Amino acid sequence: MFSDDEKTVSSLGFFGFDADDVTADEVDVWPNNWEAVQLFLAVSGQWRVSMAGAYALDYNAVDVAMNMMGVKKRRRKKLFGFLRVMEREALSIMGEKKDG
């Protein structure tokens, strides 16, 4: 999943990470979280970025991803809530890496 080519490593550095921060270890995902994790992975390259770094996911891209994934309208609000939890945690981790 992770490529250590120069472009990928450079991209990691932009967000305050290095190659050692990324592992190929498997993680368990509870079935009720699987769809949210898939959505997060689908939009994981769609961050809004300023000179200070990433500050939010691009919610336009989230809507497109949900459409492409075939997420039913009745599930979107709940799924979006799960995505926002992952977004906040990712931003927190990126901030720690940048500051520390």
PDB file of N, CA and C in Angstrom:
ATOM      1  N   MET A   1       0.821  -1.189   0.000  1.00  0.00           N
ATOM      2  CA  MET A   1       0.000   0.000   0.000  1.00  0.00           C
ATOM      3  C   MET A   1       0.866   1.255   0.000  1.00  0.00           C
ATOM      4  N   PHE A   2       1.963   1.259   0.729  1.00  0.00           N
ATOM      5  CA  PHE A   2       2.834   2.425   0.820  1.00  0.00           C
ATOM      6  C   PHE A   2       3.986   2.275  -0.152  1.00  0.00           C
ATOM      7  N   SER A   3       4.230   3.318  -0.905  1.00  0.00           N
ATOM      8  CA  SER A   3       5.362   3.347  -1.831  1.00  0.00           C
ATOM      9  C   SER A   3       6.377   4.340  -1.289  1.00  0.00           C
ATOM     10  N   ASP A   4       7.637   3.951  -1.240  1.00  0.00           N
ATOM     11  CA  ASP A   4       8.651   4.857  -0.701  1.00  0.00           C
ATOM     12  C   ASP A   4       9.374   5.623  -1.803  1.00  0.00           C
ATOM     13  N   ASP A   5       8.691   5.827  -2.944  1.00  0.00           N
ATOM     14  CA  ASP A   5       9.315   6.621  -3.992  1.00  0.00           C
ATOM     15  C   ASP A   5       9.431   8.080  -3.544  1.00  0.00           C
ATOM     16  N   GLU A   6      10.250   8.829  -4.243  1.00  0.00           N
ATOM     17  CA  GLU A   6      10.569  10.210  -3.845  1.00  0.00           C
ATOM     18  C   GLU A   6       9.329  11.101  -3.761  1.00  0.00           C
ATOM     19  N   LYS A   7       8.417  10.963  -4.706  1.00  0.00           N
ATOM     20  CA  LYS A   7       7.210  11.794  -4.714  1.00  0.00           C
ATOM     21  C   LYS A   7       6.331  11.500  -3.498  1.00  0.00           C
ATOM     22  N   THR A   8       6.174  10.233  -3.160  1.00  0.00           N
ATOM     23  CA  THR A   8       5.360   9.858  -2.007  1.00  0.00           C
ATOM     24  C   THR A   8       5.983  10.364  -0.722  1.00  0.00           C
ATOM     25  N   VAL A   9       7.281  10.175  -0.559  1.00  0.00           N
ATOM     26  CA  VAL A   9       7.975  10.640   0.644  1.00  0.00           C
ATOM     27  C   VAL A   9       7.884  12.152   0.748  1.00  0.00           C
ATOM     28  N   SER A  10       8.015  12.859  -0.352  1.00  0.00           N
ATOM     29  CA  SER A  10       7.882  14.313  -0.362  1.00  0.00           C
ATOM     30  C   SER A  10       6.478  14.730   0.062  1.00  0.00           C
ATOM     31  N   SER A  11       5.466  14.017  -0.425  1.00  0.00           N
ATOM     32  CA  SER A  11       4.085  14.319  -0.050  1.00  0.00           C
ATOM     33  C   SER A  11       3.864  14.093   1.436  1.00  0.00           C
ATOM     34  N   LEU A  12       4.431  13.034   1.974  1.00  0.00           N
ATOM     35  CA  LEU A  12       4.320  12.784   3.412  1.00  0.00           C
ATOM     36  C   LEU A  12       4.928  13.939   4.195  1.00  0.00           C
ATOM     37  N   GLY A  13       6.088  14.414   3.753  1.00  0.00           N
ATOM     38  CA  GLY A  13       6.762  15.520   4.426  1.00  0.00           C
ATOM     39  C   GLY A  13       5.930  16.779   4.450  1.00  0.00           C
ATOM     40  N   PHE A  14       5.173  17.021   3.398  1.00  0.00           N
ATOM     41  CA  PHE A  14       4.311  18.202   3.339  1.00  0.00           C
ATOM     42  C   PHE A  14       3.312  18.201   4.486  1.00  0.00           C
ATOM     43  N   PHE A  15       2.858  17.016   4.886  1.00  0.00           N
ATOM     44  CA  PHE A  15       1.884  16.907   5.965  1.00  0.00           C
ATOM     45  C   PHE A  15       2.533  16.614   7.314  1.00  0.00           C
ATOM     46  N   GLY A  16       3.856  16.700   7.379  1.00  0.00           N
ATOM     47  CA  GLY A  16       4.544  16.534   8.650  1.00  0.00           C
ATOM     48  C   GLY A  16       4.899  15.101   8.995  1.00  0.00           C
ATOM     49  N   PHE A  17       4.812  14.192   8.041  1.00  0.00           N
ATOM     50  CA  PHE A  17       5.135  12.796   8.281  1.00  0.00           C
ATOM     51  C   PHE A  17       6.413  12.428   7.550  1.00  0.00           C
ATOM     52  N   ASP A  18       6.988  11.292   7.932  1.00  0.00           N
ATOM     53  CA  ASP A  18       8.076  10.723   7.149  1.00  0.00           C
ATOM     54  C   ASP A  18       7.778   9.241   6.933  1.00  0.00           C
ATOM     55  N   ALA A  19       8.623   8.570   6.173  1.00  0.00           N
ATOM     56  CA  ALA A  19       8.363   7.175   5.806  1.00  0.00           C
ATOM     57  C   ALA A  19       8.240   6.270   7.029  1.00  0.00           C
ATOM     58  N   ASP A  20       8.931   6.599   8.121  1.00  0.00           N
ATOM     59  CA  ASP A  20       8.859   5.782   9.330  1.00  0.00           C
ATOM     60  C   ASP A  20       7.494   5.857  10.009  1.00  0.00           C
ATOM     61  N   ASP A  21       6.712   6.908   9.709  1.00  0.00           N
ATOM     62  CA  ASP A  21       5.389   7.061  10.313  1.00  0.00           C
ATOM     63  C   ASP A  21       4.341   6.166   9.656  1.00  0.00           C
ATOM     64  N   VAL A  22       4.660   5.632   8.505  1.00  0.00           N
ATOM     65  CA  VAL A  22       3.704   4.830   7.746  1.00  0.00           C
ATOM     66  C   VAL A  22       4.122   3.371   7.827  1.00  0.00           C
ATOM     67  N   THR A  23       3.191   2.537   8.218  1.00  0.00           N
ATOM     68  CA  THR A  23       3.482   1.112   8.297  1.00  0.00           C
ATOM     69  C   THR A  23       2.514   0.346   7.411  1.00  0.00           C
ATOM     70  N   ALA A  24       2.900  -0.827   7.060  1.00  0.00           N
ATOM     71  CA  ALA A  24       2.041  -1.697   6.255  1.00  0.00           C
ATOM     72  C   ALA A  24       1.292  -2.685   7.139  1.00  0.00           C
ATOM     73  N   ASP A  25       1.303  -2.454   8.454  1.00  0.00           N
ATOM     74  CA  ASP A  25       0.619  -3.354   9.373  1.00  0.00           C
ATOM     75  C   ASP A  25      -0.874  -3.382   9.091  1.00  0.00           C
ATOM     76  N   GLU A  26      -1.458  -4.549   9.256  1.00  0.00           N
ATOM     77  CA  GLU A  26      -2.899  -4.677   9.111  1.00  0.00           C
ATOM     78  C   GLU A  26      -3.573  -4.157  10.371  1.00  0.00           C
ATOM     79  N   VAL A  27      -4.749  -3.616  10.193  1.00  0.00           N
ATOM     80  CA  VAL A  27      -5.546  -3.169  11.332  1.00  0.00           C
ATOM     81  C   VAL A  27      -6.930  -3.789  11.207  1.00  0.00           C
ATOM     82  N   ASP A  28      -7.553  -4.007  12.341  1.00  0.00           N
ATOM     83  CA  ASP A  28      -8.914  -4.527  12.347  1.00  0.00           C
ATOM     84  C   ASP A  28      -9.892  -3.372  12.299  1.00  0.00           C
ATOM     85  N   VAL A  29     -10.922  -3.511  11.497  1.00  0.00           N
ATOM     86  CA  VAL A  29     -11.986  -2.515  11.408  1.00  0.00           C
ATOM     87  C   VAL A  29     -13.291  -3.233  11.702  1.00  0.00           C
ATOM     88  N   TRP A  30     -14.023  -2.724  12.676  1.00  0.00           N
ATOM     89  CA  TRP A  30     -15.321  -3.319  12.986  1.00  0.00           C
ATOM     90  C   TRP A  30     -16.241  -3.168  11.785  1.00  0.00           C
ATOM     91  N   PRO A  31     -17.070  -4.158  11.528  1.00  0.00           N
ATOM     92  CA  PRO A  31     -17.956  -4.108  10.354  1.00  0.00           C
ATOM     93  C   PRO A  31     -18.816  -2.846  10.271  1.00  0.00           C
ATOM     94  N   ASN A  32     -19.291  -2.349  11.413  1.00  0.00           N
ATOM     95  CA  ASN A  32     -20.145  -1.151  11.369  1.00  0.00           C
ATOM     96  C   ASN A  32     -19.352   0.117  11.057  1.00  0.00           C
ATOM     97  N   ASN A  33     -18.022   0.042  11.054  1.00  0.00           N
ATOM     98  CA  ASN A  33     -17.184   1.193  10.704  1.00  0.00           C
ATOM     99  C   ASN A  33     -16.579   1.076   9.305  1.00  0.00           C
ATOM    100  N   TRP A  34     -16.771  -0.069   8.659  1.00  0.00           N
ATOM    101  CA  TRP A  34     -16.091  -0.339   7.396  1.00  0.00           C
ATOM    102  C   TRP A  34     -16.414   0.701   6.327  1.00  0.00           C
ATOM    103  N   GLU A  35     -17.684   1.050   6.172  1.00  0.00           N
ATOM    104  CA  GLU A  35     -18.076   2.007   5.139  1.00  0.00           C
ATOM    105  C   GLU A  35     -17.439   3.375   5.390  1.00  0.00           C
ATOM    106  N   ALA A  36     -17.374   3.793   6.660  1.00  0.00           N
ATOM    107  CA  ALA A  36     -16.764   5.082   6.995  1.00  0.00           C
ATOM    108  C   ALA A  36     -15.265   5.069   6.699  1.00  0.00           C
ATOM    109  N   VAL A  37     -14.605   3.973   7.004  1.00  0.00           N
ATOM    110  CA  VAL A  37     -13.170   3.861   6.717  1.00  0.00           C
ATOM    111  C   VAL A  37     -12.939   3.899   5.210  1.00  0.00           C
ATOM    112  N   GLN A  38     -13.772   3.207   4.454  1.00  0.00           N
ATOM    113  CA  GLN A  38     -13.641   3.228   2.997  1.00  0.00           C
ATOM    114  C   GLN A  38     -13.841   4.639   2.446  1.00  0.00           C
ATOM    115  N   LEU A  39     -14.799   5.378   3.008  1.00  0.00           N
ATOM    116  CA  LEU A  39     -15.020   6.761   2.581  1.00  0.00           C
ATOM    117  C   LEU A  39     -13.805   7.620   2.915  1.00  0.00           C
ATOM    118  N   PHE A  40     -13.270   7.478   4.128  1.00  0.00           N
ATOM    119  CA  PHE A  40     -12.094   8.257   4.520  1.00  0.00           C
ATOM    120  C   PHE A  40     -10.923   7.962   3.582  1.00  0.00           C
ATOM    121  N   LEU A  41     -10.711   6.697   3.273  1.00  0.00           N
ATOM    122  CA  LEU A  41      -9.626   6.341   2.356  1.00  0.00           C
ATOM    123  C   LEU A  41      -9.865   6.914   0.964  1.00  0.00           C
ATOM    124  N   ALA A  42     -11.123   6.946   0.543  1.00  0.00           N
ATOM    125  CA  ALA A  42     -11.446   7.478  -0.786  1.00  0.00           C
ATOM    126  C   ALA A  42     -11.142   8.965  -0.903  1.00  0.00           C
ATOM    127  N   VAL A  43     -11.260   9.695   0.201  1.00  0.00           N
ATOM    128  CA  VAL A  43     -11.038  11.149   0.153  1.00  0.00           C
ATOM    129  C   VAL A  43      -9.757  11.559   0.870  1.00  0.00           C
ATOM    130  N   SER A  44      -8.926  10.598   1.209  1.00  0.00           N
ATOM    131  CA  SER A  44      -7.734  10.901   2.008  1.00  0.00           C
ATOM    132  C   SER A  44      -6.735  11.809   1.303  1.00  0.00           C
ATOM    133  N   GLY A  45      -6.858  11.976   0.019  1.00  0.00           N
ATOM    134  CA  GLY A  45      -5.989  12.903  -0.711  1.00  0.00           C
ATOM    135  C   GLY A  45      -6.661  14.230  -1.013  1.00  0.00           C
ATOM    136  N   GLN A  46      -7.826  14.458  -0.427  1.00  0.00           N
ATOM    137  CA  GLN A  46      -8.623  15.641  -0.757  1.00  0.00           C
ATOM    138  C   GLN A  46      -8.668  16.651   0.388  1.00  0.00           C
ATOM    139  N   TRP A  47      -7.515  17.043   0.883  1.00  0.00           N
ATOM    140  CA  TRP A  47      -7.433  18.004   1.983  1.00  0.00           C
ATOM    141  C   TRP A  47      -7.408  19.429   1.454  1.00  0.00           C
ATOM    142  N   ARG A  48      -8.067  20.307   2.157  1.00  0.00           N
ATOM    143  CA  ARG A  48      -7.918  21.742   1.896  1.00  0.00           C
ATOM    144  C   ARG A  48      -6.662  22.165   2.648  1.00  0.00           C
ATOM    145  N   VAL A  49      -5.795  22.894   1.966  1.00  0.00           N
ATOM    146  CA  VAL A  49      -4.483  23.213   2.522  1.00  0.00           C
ATOM    147  C   VAL A  49      -4.214  24.698   2.378  1.00  0.00           C
ATOM    148  N   SER A  50      -3.668  25.290   3.449  1.00  0.00           N
ATOM    149  CA  SER A  50      -3.218  26.681   3.413  1.00  0.00           C
ATOM    150  C   SER A  50      -1.709  26.679   3.626  1.00  0.00           C
ATOM    151  N   MET A  51      -1.133  27.854   3.753  1.00  0.00           N
ATOM    152  CA  MET A  51       0.305  27.949   4.028  1.00  0.00           C
ATOM    153  C   MET A  51       0.657  27.277   5.354  1.00  0.00           C
ATOM    154  N   ALA A  52      -0.315  27.182   6.259  1.00  0.00           N
ATOM    155  CA  ALA A  52      -0.086  26.562   7.562  1.00  0.00           C
ATOM    156  C   ALA A  52      -0.256  25.045   7.522  1.00  0.00           C
ATOM    157  N   GLY A  53      -0.732  24.517   6.411  1.00  0.00           N
ATOM    158  CA  GLY A  53      -0.932  23.076   6.292  1.00  0.00           C
ATOM    159  C   GLY A  53      -2.389  22.719   6.069  1.00  0.00           C
ATOM    160  N   ALA A  54      -2.680  21.430   6.156  1.00  0.00           N
ATOM    161  CA  ALA A  54      -4.050  20.948   5.948  1.00  0.00           C
ATOM    162  C   ALA A  54      -4.945  21.432   7.083  1.00  0.00           C
ATOM    163  N   TYR A  55      -6.174  21.825   6.740  1.00  0.00           N
ATOM    164  CA  TYR A  55      -7.094  22.288   7.782  1.00  0.00           C
ATOM    165  C   TYR A  55      -8.477  21.655   7.695  1.00  0.00           C
ATOM    166  N   ALA A  56      -8.799  20.953   6.620  1.00  0.00           N
ATOM    167  CA  ALA A  56     -10.104  20.301   6.501  1.00  0.00           C
ATOM    168  C   ALA A  56     -10.125  19.434   5.254  1.00  0.00           C
ATOM    169  N   LEU A  57     -11.010  18.456   5.259  1.00  0.00           N
ATOM    170  CA  LEU A  57     -11.277  17.721   4.031  1.00  0.00           C
ATOM    171  C   LEU A  57     -12.123  18.590   3.115  1.00  0.00           C
ATOM    172  N   ASP A  58     -11.996  18.384   1.837  1.00  0.00           N
ATOM    173  CA  ASP A  58     -12.826  19.078   0.859  1.00  0.00           C
ATOM    174  C   ASP A  58     -14.164  18.344   0.804  1.00  0.00           C
ATOM    175  N   TYR A  59     -15.202  18.954   1.388  1.00  0.00           N
ATOM    176  CA  TYR A  59     -16.496  18.287   1.480  1.00  0.00           C
ATOM    177  C   TYR A  59     -17.166  18.116   0.120  1.00  0.00           C
ATOM    178  N   ASN A  60     -16.776  18.902  -0.877  1.00  0.00           N
ATOM    179  CA  ASN A  60     -17.275  18.655  -2.232  1.00  0.00           C
ATOM    180  C   ASN A  60     -16.797  17.289  -2.712  1.00  0.00           C
ATOM    181  N   ALA A  61     -15.551  16.970  -2.416  1.00  0.00           N
ATOM    182  CA  ALA A  61     -15.001  15.667  -2.796  1.00  0.00           C
ATOM    183  C   ALA A  61     -15.671  14.543  -2.012  1.00  0.00           C
ATOM    184  N   VAL A  62     -16.048  14.825  -0.773  1.00  0.00           N
ATOM    185  CA  VAL A  62     -16.747  13.822   0.039  1.00  0.00           C
ATOM    186  C   VAL A  62     -18.083  13.468  -0.614  1.00  0.00           C
ATOM    187  N   ASP A  63     -18.811  14.486  -1.058  1.00  0.00           N
ATOM    188  CA  ASP A  63     -20.098  14.255  -1.717  1.00  0.00           C
ATOM    189  C   ASP A  63     -19.912  13.427  -2.986  1.00  0.00           C
ATOM    190  N   VAL A  64     -18.909  13.766  -3.774  1.00  0.00           N
ATOM    191  CA  VAL A  64     -18.625  13.007  -4.996  1.00  0.00           C
ATOM    192  C   VAL A  64     -18.282  11.559  -4.648  1.00  0.00           C
ATOM    193  N   ALA A  65     -17.451  11.368  -3.632  1.00  0.00           N
ATOM    194  CA  ALA A  65     -17.059  10.013  -3.235  1.00  0.00           C
ATOM    195  C   ALA A  65     -18.273   9.208  -2.776  1.00  0.00           C
ATOM    196  N   MET A  66     -19.153   9.836  -1.992  1.00  0.00           N
ATOM    197  CA  MET A  66     -20.358   9.125  -1.549  1.00  0.00           C
ATOM    198  C   MET A  66     -21.213   8.714  -2.749  1.00  0.00           C
ATOM    199  N   ASN A  67     -21.342   9.614  -3.718  1.00  0.00           N
ATOM    200  CA  ASN A  67     -22.099   9.273  -4.928  1.00  0.00           C
ATOM    201  C   ASN A  67     -21.461   8.100  -5.657  1.00  0.00           C
ATOM    202  N   MET A  68     -20.144   8.146  -5.819  1.00  0.00           N
ATOM    203  CA  MET A  68     -19.445   7.087  -6.549  1.00  0.00           C
ATOM    204  C   MET A  68     -19.481   5.759  -5.798  1.00  0.00           C
ATOM    205  N   MET A  69     -19.539   5.824  -4.469  1.00  0.00           N
ATOM    206  CA  MET A  69     -19.614   4.614  -3.657  1.00  0.00           C
ATOM    207  C   MET A  69     -21.039   4.072  -3.573  1.00  0.00           C
ATOM    208  N   GLY A  70     -22.000   4.853  -4.053  1.00  0.00           N
ATOM    209  CA  GLY A  70     -23.394   4.413  -4.010  1.00  0.00           C
ATOM    210  C   GLY A  70     -24.020   4.491  -2.632  1.00  0.00           C
ATOM    211  N   VAL A  71     -23.532   5.419  -1.787  1.00  0.00           N
ATOM    212  CA  VAL A  71     -24.075   5.563  -0.436  1.00  0.00           C
ATOM    213  C   VAL A  71     -25.496   6.115  -0.533  1.00  0.00           C
ATOM    214  N   LYS A  72     -26.430   5.417   0.081  1.00  0.00           N
ATOM    215  CA  LYS A  72     -27.826   5.846   0.054  1.00  0.00           C
ATOM    216  C   LYS A  72     -28.004   7.125   0.869  1.00  0.00           C
ATOM    217  N   LYS A  73     -28.914   7.967   0.439  1.00  0.00           N
ATOM    218  CA  LYS A  73     -29.124   9.274   1.080  1.00  0.00           C
ATOM    219  C   LYS A  73     -29.416   9.140   2.566  1.00  0.00           C
ATOM    220  N   ARG A  74     -30.157   8.121   2.963  1.00  0.00           N
ATOM    221  CA  ARG A  74     -30.510   7.971   4.380  1.00  0.00           C
ATOM    222  C   ARG A  74     -29.294   7.655   5.258  1.00  0.00           C
ATOM    223  N   ARG A  75     -28.191   7.169   4.669  1.00  0.00           N
ATOM    224  CA  ARG A  75     -26.974   6.837   5.423  1.00  0.00           C
ATOM    225  C   ARG A  75     -25.977   7.985   5.485  1.00  0.00           C
ATOM    226  N   ARG A  76     -26.137   8.977   4.636  1.00  0.00           N
ATOM    227  CA  ARG A  76     -25.104  10.001   4.467  1.00  0.00           C
ATOM    228  C   ARG A  76     -24.836  10.822   5.720  1.00  0.00           C
ATOM    229  N   LYS A  77     -25.868  11.225   6.432  1.00  0.00           N
ATOM    230  CA  LYS A  77     -25.661  12.065   7.614  1.00  0.00           C
ATOM    231  C   LYS A  77     -24.836  11.323   8.668  1.00  0.00           C
ATOM    232  N   LYS A  78     -25.189  10.079   8.937  1.00  0.00           N
ATOM    233  CA  LYS A  78     -24.458   9.296   9.932  1.00  0.00           C
ATOM    234  C   LYS A  78     -23.023   9.032   9.467  1.00  0.00           C
ATOM    235  N   LEU A  79     -22.876   8.658   8.211  1.00  0.00           N
ATOM    236  CA  LEU A  79     -21.550   8.383   7.662  1.00  0.00           C
ATOM    237  C   LEU A  79     -20.673   9.632   7.683  1.00  0.00           C
ATOM    238  N   PHE A  80     -21.273  10.774   7.383  1.00  0.00           N
ATOM    239  CA  PHE A  80     -20.539  12.038   7.417  1.00  0.00           C
ATOM    240  C   PHE A  80     -20.048  12.337   8.838  1.00  0.00           C
ATOM    241  N   GLY A  81     -20.864  12.027   9.834  1.00  0.00           N
ATOM    242  CA  GLY A  81     -20.443  12.202  11.227  1.00  0.00           C
ATOM    243  C   GLY A  81     -19.226  11.357  11.564  1.00  0.00           C
ATOM    244  N   PHE A  82     -19.233  10.106  11.125  1.00  0.00           N
ATOM    245  CA  PHE A  82     -18.077   9.230  11.348  1.00  0.00           C
ATOM    246  C   PHE A  82     -16.839   9.778  10.646  1.00  0.00           C
ATOM    247  N   LEU A  83     -17.038  10.253   9.428  1.00  0.00           N
ATOM    248  CA  LEU A  83     -15.922  10.825   8.666  1.00  0.00           C
ATOM    249  C   LEU A  83     -15.334  12.034   9.385  1.00  0.00           C
ATOM    250  N   ARG A  84     -16.185  12.875   9.960  1.00  0.00           N
ATOM    251  CA  ARG A  84     -15.698  14.068  10.657  1.00  0.00           C
ATOM    252  C   ARG A  84     -14.867  13.696  11.878  1.00  0.00           C
ATOM    253  N   VAL A  85     -15.214  12.610  12.551  1.00  0.00           N
ATOM    254  CA  VAL A  85     -14.408  12.143  13.689  1.00  0.00           C
ATOM    255  C   VAL A  85     -13.011  11.768  13.200  1.00  0.00           C
ATOM    256  N   MET A  86     -12.933  11.032  12.099  1.00  0.00           N
ATOM    257  CA  MET A  86     -11.627  10.645  11.553  1.00  0.00           C
ATOM    258  C   MET A  86     -10.860  11.860  11.048  1.00  0.00           C
ATOM    259  N   GLU A  87     -11.572  12.809  10.465  1.00  0.00           N
ATOM    260  CA  GLU A  87     -10.940  14.041   9.981  1.00  0.00           C
ATOM    261  C   GLU A  87     -10.292  14.801  11.140  1.00  0.00           C
ATOM    262  N   ARG A  88     -11.035  14.980  12.238  1.00  0.00           N
ATOM    263  CA  ARG A  88     -10.480  15.706  13.397  1.00  0.00           C
ATOM    264  C   ARG A  88      -9.250  15.004  13.959  1.00  0.00           C
ATOM    265  N   GLU A  89      -9.313  13.680  14.046  1.00  0.00           N
ATOM    266  CA  GLU A  89      -8.173  12.931  14.574  1.00  0.00           C
ATOM    267  C   GLU A  89      -6.971  13.035  13.637  1.00  0.00           C
ATOM    268  N   ALA A  90      -7.207  12.933  12.345  1.00  0.00           N
ATOM    269  CA  ALA A  90      -6.105  13.066  11.378  1.00  0.00           C
ATOM    270  C   ALA A  90      -5.475  14.450  11.472  1.00  0.00           C
ATOM    271  N   LEU A  91      -6.304  15.487  11.579  1.00  0.00           N
ATOM    272  CA  LEU A  91      -5.772  16.850  11.706  1.00  0.00           C
ATOM    273  C   LEU A  91      -4.976  17.009  12.995  1.00  0.00           C
ATOM    274  N   SER A  92      -5.458  16.400  14.069  1.00  0.00           N
ATOM    275  CA  SER A  92      -4.740  16.458  15.342  1.00  0.00           C
ATOM    276  C   SER A  92      -3.366  15.798  15.220  1.00  0.00           C
ATOM    277  N   ILE A  93      -3.321  14.645  14.599  1.00  0.00           N
ATOM    278  CA  ILE A  93      -2.047  13.937  14.429  1.00  0.00           C
ATOM    279  C   ILE A  93      -1.118  14.714  13.508  1.00  0.00           C
ATOM    280  N   MET A  94      -1.659  15.256  12.414  1.00  0.00           N
ATOM    281  CA  MET A  94      -0.821  16.054  11.511  1.00  0.00           C
ATOM    282  C   MET A  94      -0.282  17.285  12.230  1.00  0.00           C
ATOM    283  N   GLY A  95      -1.088  17.898  13.088  1.00  0.00           N
ATOM    284  CA  GLY A  95      -0.647  19.062  13.848  1.00  0.00           C
ATOM    285  C   GLY A  95       0.455  18.719  14.826  1.00  0.00           C
ATOM    286  N   GLU A  96       0.335  17.569  15.489  1.00  0.00           N
ATOM    287  CA  GLU A  96       1.374  17.128  16.420  1.00  0.00           C
ATOM    288  C   GLU A  96       2.688  16.901  15.684  1.00  0.00           C
ATOM    289  N   LYS A  97       2.622  16.275  14.522  1.00  0.00           N
ATOM    290  CA  LYS A  97       3.834  16.001  13.745  1.00  0.00           C
ATOM    291  C   LYS A  97       4.496  17.300  13.298  1.00  0.00           C
ATOM    292  N   LYS A  98       3.662  18.270  12.901  1.00  0.00           N
ATOM    293  CA  LYS A  98       4.193  19.544  12.410  1.00  0.00           C
ATOM    294  C   LYS A  98       4.821  20.346  13.551  1.00  0.00           C
ATOM    295  N   ASP A  99       4.178  20.332  14.723  1.00  0.00           N
ATOM    296  CA  ASP A  99       4.643  21.133  15.855  1.00  0.00           C
ATOM    297  C   ASP A  99       5.768  20.467  16.630  1.00  0.00           C
ATOM    298  N   GLY A 100       5.852  19.167  16.570  1.00  0.00           N
ATOM    299  CA  GLY A 100       6.774  18.475  17.442  1.00  0.00           C
ATOM    300  C   GLY A 100       7.947  17.935  16.781  1.00  0.00           C
TER     301      GLY A 100
END
